[in-house]
């Protein structure tokens, strides 16, 4: 058997010591970086598994934030519809009161004409409410880019559903088509009000037209109830989205954020170890290392 003797030179010793000190400094630098950034992961190499988990959680946060924006948009659409339909019901009630007042028999034609004029203005106001828009989109006109109704009260919209995603795989309609709220063309609310106004000004019996108005009123109230149900559902989903956001952010914090007291303690230990290494190295190779480096 051939034995070999290995000679440890000052140069090899210096390289080894320098490498160890460099590794110790690198650990110190990473600990300092974690403390300053308050992040345990500053680059993928710090924790490949943690990086994958963080990316997955961030993607979930992004999807949840988009759903939250959809919920806000849906809530605004439906709140606008709710306020509008409440105003519609108020105006219908005023029209009904005027018609009953004109039918009392205690007023003359001049008063009838005045009541008829007010009813016509209220009818025009109803058409205006039916053309209410949110962010430039008609809330009762479906997918039309313009108004839902023309000046005569005829539906000119495009009956179609406008939906928003409020949860993964779950969508909700945020609009109401005009004909489902105000009635089909020819038997719609505006035609009924026109007929009632004519009956009032001509002095004929208004019983049939009042019944028709009540029927249209119930249809508007049904639309109002439907909007309310959707708003309640949206509010429930908003609460859920808020809770999900908190859970996801907590999960991301557990993956990315640093345990500050623990890292500070590790850094102090590493600093002590580095100082000890410097002191020991200086004592061991002091006589020859300086000469070698020169």
Foldseek 3Di string as FASTA:
>chain_A
DDDDDDDDDLVNVVVVLVVVLVVLVVVLVLLVVCQVVLWCDPDCVSDVVLVVVLVVLVVVLVVLVQLLVLLVVLLVLLVLLLVLLVVVLVLLVVLLVLLVVLLPPPDDLVSLVVSLVVLVVSLQVNQVSQQDDDPQHRQQQAPDNHGQADSQGAGPGDDDFDWTDNDVVDIDTRGHHPCQQQNHPPLGLSVLSVVSSVCSNVVHDCVVSSVSSVVSSVSSVVVSVVSVVVSVVSVVSSVVSVVVSVVSVVVSCVSIGDPNVVSVVVSVVSVVVSVVSVVVVCVPCVVPNVVVVD
